[in-house]
């Protein structure tokens, strides 16, 4: 992972930890205003709806742990692929599962921001 790859891998880990800690300030900075977040259930979220669901308690991430993350450095864009173990309470129902994800970061005004997340649930 030359260039920007490791920087973005580290930032994405920080973003996942922020989701589990409900660290809204970090999420506001790291998530792009035009974020397209596609959950493994095919539900779509924007930056606002994703953060609002966490703040309201409708979606509570209790753990997001990435592994096997690879970065493709395309200059002002970095594409991450990997696996994540997710623990979440959605509308009061706890769930834990693994996903394979594709995650895209773009460098905007000198800062890296996540613009796209797409995940597919792994077989149990």
N, C-alpha and C. Protein backbone atom coordinates (compact mmCIF):
# COMPACT_ATOMS: atom_id res chain seq x y z
N UNK A 1 0.84 -1.18 0.00
CA UNK A 1 0.00 0.00 0.00
C UNK A 1 0.88 1.24 0.00
N UNK A 2 1.21 1.67 -1.17
CA UNK A 2 2.06 2.85 -1.30
C UNK A 2 1.20 4.11 -1.25
N UNK A 3 1.85 5.24 -1.04
CA UNK A 3 1.15 6.52 -1.11
C UNK A 3 0.08 6.70 -0.06
N UNK A 4 -1.13 6.95 -0.53
CA UNK A 4 -2.25 7.29 0.35
C UNK A 4 -2.94 6.08 0.97
N UNK A 5 -2.64 4.90 0.49
CA UNK A 5 -3.37 3.71 0.92
C UNK A 5 -3.41 3.49 2.41
N UNK A 6 -2.25 3.48 3.06
CA UNK A 6 -2.23 3.21 4.50
C UNK A 6 -2.89 4.32 5.30
N UNK A 7 -2.73 5.56 4.85
CA UNK A 7 -3.39 6.69 5.51
C UNK A 7 -4.90 6.49 5.54
N UNK A 8 -5.47 6.07 4.40
CA UNK A 8 -6.91 5.89 4.31
C UNK A 8 -7.36 4.63 5.07
N UNK A 9 -6.57 3.57 5.03
CA UNK A 9 -6.90 2.37 5.82
C UNK A 9 -7.00 2.76 7.30
N UNK A 10 -6.04 3.54 7.79
CA UNK A 10 -6.04 3.97 9.19
C UNK A 10 -7.23 4.87 9.48
N UNK A 11 -7.55 5.77 8.56
CA UNK A 11 -8.69 6.67 8.74
C UNK A 11 -10.00 5.88 8.77
N UNK A 12 -10.10 4.86 7.93
CA UNK A 12 -11.32 4.07 7.89
C UNK A 12 -11.50 3.27 9.19
N UNK A 13 -10.41 2.80 9.75
CA UNK A 13 -10.48 2.11 11.05
C UNK A 13 -10.98 3.09 12.12
N UNK A 14 -10.47 4.33 12.06
CA UNK A 14 -10.91 5.36 13.00
C UNK A 14 -12.41 5.64 12.81
N UNK A 15 -12.87 5.65 11.56
CA UNK A 15 -14.29 5.88 11.26
C UNK A 15 -15.13 4.74 11.84
N UNK A 16 -14.68 3.50 11.68
CA UNK A 16 -15.42 2.36 12.22
C UNK A 16 -15.48 2.44 13.75
N UNK A 17 -14.38 2.83 14.38
CA UNK A 17 -14.37 2.98 15.84
C UNK A 17 -15.31 4.10 16.26
N UNK A 18 -15.37 5.17 15.48
CA UNK A 18 -16.25 6.30 15.78
C UNK A 18 -17.72 5.87 15.71
N UNK A 19 -18.04 4.97 14.78
CA UNK A 19 -19.41 4.47 14.69
C UNK A 19 -19.76 3.69 15.95
N UNK A 20 -18.85 2.87 16.43
CA UNK A 20 -19.10 2.06 17.63
C UNK A 20 -19.14 2.93 18.90
N UNK A 21 -18.42 4.05 18.88
CA UNK A 21 -18.39 4.94 20.05
C UNK A 21 -19.43 6.05 19.97
N UNK A 22 -20.17 6.09 18.87
CA UNK A 22 -21.13 7.17 18.60
C UNK A 22 -20.42 8.53 18.66
N UNK A 23 -19.23 8.59 18.06
CA UNK A 23 -18.41 9.80 18.01
C UNK A 23 -18.84 10.63 16.81
N UNK A 24 -19.87 11.45 17.02
CA UNK A 24 -20.49 12.20 15.93
C UNK A 24 -19.51 13.21 15.32
N UNK A 25 -18.68 13.84 16.12
CA UNK A 25 -17.74 14.84 15.59
C UNK A 25 -16.80 14.22 14.56
N UNK A 26 -16.27 13.04 14.87
CA UNK A 26 -15.39 12.36 13.91
C UNK A 26 -16.17 11.98 12.65
N UNK A 27 -17.38 11.46 12.82
CA UNK A 27 -18.18 11.06 11.66
C UNK A 27 -18.53 12.26 10.79
N UNK A 28 -18.85 13.39 11.40
CA UNK A 28 -19.15 14.61 10.63
C UNK A 28 -17.96 15.00 9.74
N UNK A 29 -16.75 14.81 10.26
CA UNK A 29 -15.55 15.19 9.50
C UNK A 29 -15.19 14.17 8.43
N UNK A 30 -15.35 12.89 8.74
CA UNK A 30 -14.87 11.83 7.84
C UNK A 30 -15.89 11.47 6.75
N UNK A 31 -17.17 11.57 7.05
CA UNK A 31 -18.19 11.22 6.06
C UNK A 31 -18.48 12.40 5.15
N UNK A 32 -18.48 12.17 3.85
CA UNK A 32 -18.76 13.21 2.88
C UNK A 32 -20.24 13.58 2.92
N UNK A 33 -20.55 14.85 2.65
CA UNK A 33 -21.94 15.29 2.64
C UNK A 33 -22.78 14.53 1.62
N UNK A 34 -22.14 14.08 0.53
CA UNK A 34 -22.87 13.35 -0.53
C UNK A 34 -22.67 11.83 -0.42
N UNK A 35 -22.39 11.36 0.80
CA UNK A 35 -22.18 9.93 1.05
C UNK A 35 -23.35 9.08 0.54
N UNK A 36 -23.01 7.95 -0.08
CA UNK A 36 -23.99 6.91 -0.42
C UNK A 36 -23.55 5.68 0.36
N UNK A 37 -24.35 5.28 1.36
CA UNK A 37 -24.01 4.18 2.26
C UNK A 37 -25.03 3.07 2.04
N UNK A 38 -24.57 1.98 1.41
CA UNK A 38 -25.45 0.85 1.13
C UNK A 38 -25.14 -0.26 2.12
N UNK A 39 -26.11 -0.53 2.99
CA UNK A 39 -25.97 -1.57 4.00
C UNK A 39 -26.06 -2.95 3.36
N UNK A 40 -25.64 -3.98 4.09
CA UNK A 40 -25.71 -5.35 3.58
C UNK A 40 -27.16 -5.81 3.40
N UNK A 41 -28.10 -5.09 3.99
CA UNK A 41 -29.53 -5.39 3.84
C UNK A 41 -30.11 -4.70 2.61
N UNK A 42 -29.29 -3.93 1.91
CA UNK A 42 -29.66 -3.13 0.73
C UNK A 42 -30.30 -1.80 1.12
N UNK A 43 -30.42 -1.51 2.42
CA UNK A 43 -30.93 -0.21 2.84
C UNK A 43 -29.91 0.86 2.49
N UNK A 44 -30.39 2.00 2.04
CA UNK A 44 -29.52 3.12 1.69
C UNK A 44 -29.57 4.18 2.78
N UNK A 45 -28.43 4.78 3.06
CA UNK A 45 -28.37 5.92 3.96
C UNK A 45 -27.55 7.02 3.31
N UNK A 46 -27.86 8.25 3.73
CA UNK A 46 -27.03 9.40 3.42
C UNK A 46 -26.20 9.67 4.68
N UNK A 47 -25.32 10.64 4.60
CA UNK A 47 -24.56 11.02 5.79
C UNK A 47 -25.53 11.38 6.92
N UNK A 48 -26.51 12.23 6.59
CA UNK A 48 -27.45 12.70 7.62
C UNK A 48 -28.26 11.56 8.22
N UNK A 49 -28.83 10.71 7.35
CA UNK A 49 -29.69 9.64 7.88
C UNK A 49 -28.89 8.62 8.68
N UNK A 50 -27.64 8.36 8.28
CA UNK A 50 -26.79 7.42 9.00
C UNK A 50 -26.48 7.96 10.41
N UNK A 51 -26.02 9.20 10.47
CA UNK A 51 -25.69 9.80 11.77
C UNK A 51 -26.94 9.96 12.62
N UNK A 52 -28.04 10.42 12.02
CA UNK A 52 -29.28 10.62 12.78
C UNK A 52 -29.78 9.31 13.39
N UNK A 53 -29.66 8.20 12.65
CA UNK A 53 -30.10 6.89 13.18
C UNK A 53 -29.24 6.48 14.37
N UNK A 54 -27.96 6.81 14.33
CA UNK A 54 -27.08 6.48 15.46
C UNK A 54 -27.40 7.35 16.67
N UNK A 55 -27.61 8.65 16.43
CA UNK A 55 -27.89 9.58 17.52
C UNK A 55 -29.23 9.25 18.18
N UNK A 56 -30.23 8.88 17.39
CA UNK A 56 -31.57 8.58 17.92
C UNK A 56 -31.62 7.24 18.65
N UNK A 57 -30.62 6.38 18.38
CA UNK A 57 -30.62 5.06 18.98
C UNK A 57 -31.30 4.00 18.13
N UNK A 58 -31.82 4.39 16.96
CA UNK A 58 -32.46 3.42 16.07
C UNK A 58 -31.44 2.39 15.57
N UNK A 59 -30.21 2.85 15.33
CA UNK A 59 -29.11 1.97 14.93
C UNK A 59 -27.95 2.22 15.87
N UNK A 60 -27.59 1.19 16.63
CA UNK A 60 -26.48 1.32 17.59
C UNK A 60 -25.41 0.29 17.23
N UNK A 61 -24.29 0.79 16.71
CA UNK A 61 -23.16 -0.09 16.41
C UNK A 61 -22.39 -0.32 17.70
N UNK A 62 -22.22 -1.57 18.08
CA UNK A 62 -21.46 -1.88 19.30
C UNK A 62 -20.07 -2.38 18.96
N UNK A 63 -19.83 -2.68 17.69
CA UNK A 63 -18.52 -3.10 17.25
C UNK A 63 -18.45 -3.17 15.73
N UNK A 64 -17.37 -2.66 15.18
CA UNK A 64 -17.10 -2.77 13.74
C UNK A 64 -15.60 -3.03 13.63
N UNK A 65 -15.25 -4.26 13.25
CA UNK A 65 -13.84 -4.67 13.25
C UNK A 65 -13.42 -5.13 11.86
N UNK A 66 -12.57 -4.34 11.18
CA UNK A 66 -12.14 -4.70 9.83
C UNK A 66 -10.99 -5.71 9.83
N UNK A 67 -10.87 -6.45 8.73
CA UNK A 67 -9.73 -7.35 8.51
C UNK A 67 -9.52 -7.51 7.01
N UNK A 68 -8.33 -7.98 6.66
CA UNK A 68 -7.97 -8.23 5.26
C UNK A 68 -8.23 -7.02 4.36
N UNK A 69 -7.96 -5.82 4.87
CA UNK A 69 -8.23 -4.60 4.11
C UNK A 69 -7.12 -4.35 3.10
N UNK A 70 -7.51 -4.12 1.87
CA UNK A 70 -6.58 -3.79 0.79
C UNK A 70 -6.95 -2.42 0.25
N UNK A 71 -5.95 -1.66 -0.15
CA UNK A 71 -6.19 -0.32 -0.67
C UNK A 71 -5.69 -0.22 -2.10
N UNK A 72 -6.50 0.41 -2.95
CA UNK A 72 -6.09 0.76 -4.31
C UNK A 72 -5.97 2.28 -4.32
N UNK A 73 -4.74 2.78 -4.44
CA UNK A 73 -4.47 4.21 -4.43
C UNK A 73 -4.58 4.74 -5.86
N UNK A 74 -5.58 5.57 -6.10
CA UNK A 74 -5.82 6.13 -7.43
C UNK A 74 -5.56 7.63 -7.44
N UNK A 75 -4.70 8.09 -6.55
CA UNK A 75 -4.38 9.51 -6.49
C UNK A 75 -5.26 10.22 -5.47
N UNK A 76 -6.26 10.97 -5.96
CA UNK A 76 -7.18 11.66 -5.05
C UNK A 76 -8.36 10.79 -4.64
N UNK A 77 -8.29 9.51 -5.00
CA UNK A 77 -9.31 8.54 -4.62
C UNK A 77 -8.61 7.28 -4.15
N UNK A 78 -9.13 6.69 -3.08
CA UNK A 78 -8.61 5.40 -2.60
C UNK A 78 -9.81 4.48 -2.42
N UNK A 79 -9.71 3.29 -3.01
CA UNK A 79 -10.75 2.28 -2.88
C UNK A 79 -10.25 1.21 -1.91
N UNK A 80 -11.05 0.96 -0.88
CA UNK A 80 -10.72 -0.08 0.09
C UNK A 80 -11.64 -1.27 -0.11
N UNK A 81 -11.09 -2.47 0.02
CA UNK A 81 -11.90 -3.68 0.04
C UNK A 81 -11.44 -4.50 1.23
N UNK A 82 -12.37 -5.21 1.83
CA UNK A 82 -12.01 -6.01 2.99
C UNK A 82 -13.21 -6.70 3.58
N UNK A 83 -13.01 -7.17 4.79
CA UNK A 83 -14.05 -7.86 5.54
C UNK A 83 -14.22 -7.09 6.85
N UNK A 84 -15.45 -7.04 7.35
CA UNK A 84 -15.69 -6.42 8.66
C UNK A 84 -16.68 -7.28 9.43
N UNK A 85 -16.39 -7.42 10.71
CA UNK A 85 -17.33 -8.07 11.63
C UNK A 85 -18.12 -6.94 12.28
N UNK A 86 -19.43 -7.00 12.15
CA UNK A 86 -20.29 -5.92 12.62
C UNK A 86 -21.20 -6.44 13.72
N UNK A 87 -21.28 -5.66 14.80
CA UNK A 87 -22.24 -5.92 15.87
C UNK A 87 -23.11 -4.68 15.95
N UNK A 88 -24.42 -4.87 15.81
CA UNK A 88 -25.33 -3.73 15.74
C UNK A 88 -26.65 -4.08 16.41
N UNK A 89 -27.26 -3.07 16.98
CA UNK A 89 -28.62 -3.21 17.50
C UNK A 89 -29.48 -2.30 16.64
N UNK A 90 -30.37 -2.91 15.86
CA UNK A 90 -31.21 -2.17 14.93
C UNK A 90 -32.66 -2.22 15.39
N UNK A 91 -33.19 -1.06 15.74
CA UNK A 91 -34.56 -0.97 16.27
C UNK A 91 -34.78 -1.96 17.41
N UNK A 92 -33.79 -2.06 18.30
CA UNK A 92 -33.90 -2.89 19.48
C UNK A 92 -33.50 -4.35 19.31
N UNK A 93 -33.20 -4.77 18.08
CA UNK A 93 -32.84 -6.16 17.81
C UNK A 93 -31.33 -6.29 17.60
N UNK A 94 -30.63 -7.03 18.50
CA UNK A 94 -29.19 -7.20 18.32
C UNK A 94 -28.88 -8.17 17.18
N UNK A 95 -27.79 -7.88 16.49
CA UNK A 95 -27.37 -8.71 15.37
C UNK A 95 -25.85 -8.66 15.27
N UNK A 96 -25.24 -9.75 14.84
CA UNK A 96 -23.79 -9.80 14.62
C UNK A 96 -23.56 -10.62 13.36
N UNK A 97 -22.74 -10.08 12.47
CA UNK A 97 -22.50 -10.75 11.20
C UNK A 97 -21.23 -10.19 10.55
N UNK A 98 -20.77 -10.90 9.54
CA UNK A 98 -19.62 -10.44 8.77
C UNK A 98 -20.06 -9.94 7.42
N UNK A 99 -19.31 -8.98 6.89
CA UNK A 99 -19.58 -8.45 5.55
C UNK A 99 -18.27 -8.35 4.77
N UNK A 100 -18.40 -8.42 3.48
CA UNK A 100 -17.32 -8.05 2.57
C UNK A 100 -17.70 -6.66 2.08
N UNK A 101 -16.75 -5.73 2.10
CA UNK A 101 -17.10 -4.35 1.76
C UNK A 101 -16.19 -3.74 0.70
N UNK A 102 -16.74 -2.75 0.05
CA UNK A 102 -16.01 -1.83 -0.81
C UNK A 102 -16.32 -0.45 -0.27
N UNK A 103 -15.28 0.33 -0.09
CA UNK A 103 -15.37 1.61 0.60
C UNK A 103 -14.52 2.58 -0.22
N UNK A 104 -15.07 3.74 -0.56
CA UNK A 104 -14.34 4.69 -1.41
C UNK A 104 -14.14 6.01 -0.66
N UNK A 105 -12.91 6.46 -0.65
CA UNK A 105 -12.55 7.76 -0.06
C UNK A 105 -12.06 8.68 -1.16
N UNK A 106 -12.41 9.96 -1.06
CA UNK A 106 -11.93 10.98 -1.99
C UNK A 106 -11.26 12.09 -1.19
N UNK A 107 -10.20 12.66 -1.76
CA UNK A 107 -9.52 13.76 -1.10
C UNK A 107 -10.20 15.06 -1.56
N UNK A 108 -10.76 15.76 -0.58
CA UNK A 108 -11.49 17.00 -0.87
C UNK A 108 -10.98 18.10 0.05
N UNK A 109 -10.59 19.21 -0.55
CA UNK A 109 -10.06 20.34 0.22
C UNK A 109 -8.96 19.89 1.18
N UNK A 110 -8.13 18.94 0.71
CA UNK A 110 -6.99 18.49 1.50
C UNK A 110 -7.31 17.43 2.53
N UNK A 111 -8.58 17.02 2.64
CA UNK A 111 -8.98 16.02 3.63
C UNK A 111 -9.62 14.81 2.96
N UNK A 112 -9.34 13.63 3.51
CA UNK A 112 -9.96 12.41 3.01
C UNK A 112 -11.35 12.26 3.60
N UNK A 113 -12.33 11.95 2.74
CA UNK A 113 -13.69 11.71 3.20
C UNK A 113 -14.25 10.47 2.53
N UNK A 114 -15.04 9.71 3.28
CA UNK A 114 -15.69 8.53 2.72
C UNK A 114 -16.89 8.97 1.90
N UNK A 115 -16.91 8.55 0.63
CA UNK A 115 -18.00 8.93 -0.27
C UNK A 115 -18.95 7.77 -0.57
N UNK A 116 -18.46 6.53 -0.44
CA UNK A 116 -19.28 5.37 -0.77
C UNK A 116 -18.93 4.20 0.14
N UNK A 117 -19.96 3.48 0.57
CA UNK A 117 -19.81 2.21 1.29
C UNK A 117 -20.81 1.25 0.69
N UNK A 118 -20.35 0.06 0.37
CA UNK A 118 -21.22 -1.00 -0.14
C UNK A 118 -20.78 -2.28 0.53
N UNK A 119 -21.72 -3.00 1.16
CA UNK A 119 -21.34 -4.24 1.82
C UNK A 119 -22.29 -5.37 1.46
N UNK A 120 -21.74 -6.57 1.47
CA UNK A 120 -22.49 -7.78 1.21
C UNK A 120 -22.28 -8.72 2.38
N UNK A 121 -23.37 -9.21 2.92
CA UNK A 121 -23.27 -10.09 4.08
C UNK A 121 -22.59 -11.40 3.70
N UNK A 122 -21.68 -11.85 4.54
CA UNK A 122 -21.00 -13.14 4.34
C UNK A 122 -21.93 -14.27 4.80
N UNK A 123 -21.81 -15.45 4.18
CA UNK A 123 -22.62 -16.58 4.65
C UNK A 123 -22.29 -16.90 6.10
N UNK A 124 -23.28 -17.31 6.84
CA UNK A 124 -23.10 -17.61 8.27
C UNK A 124 -22.24 -18.84 8.47
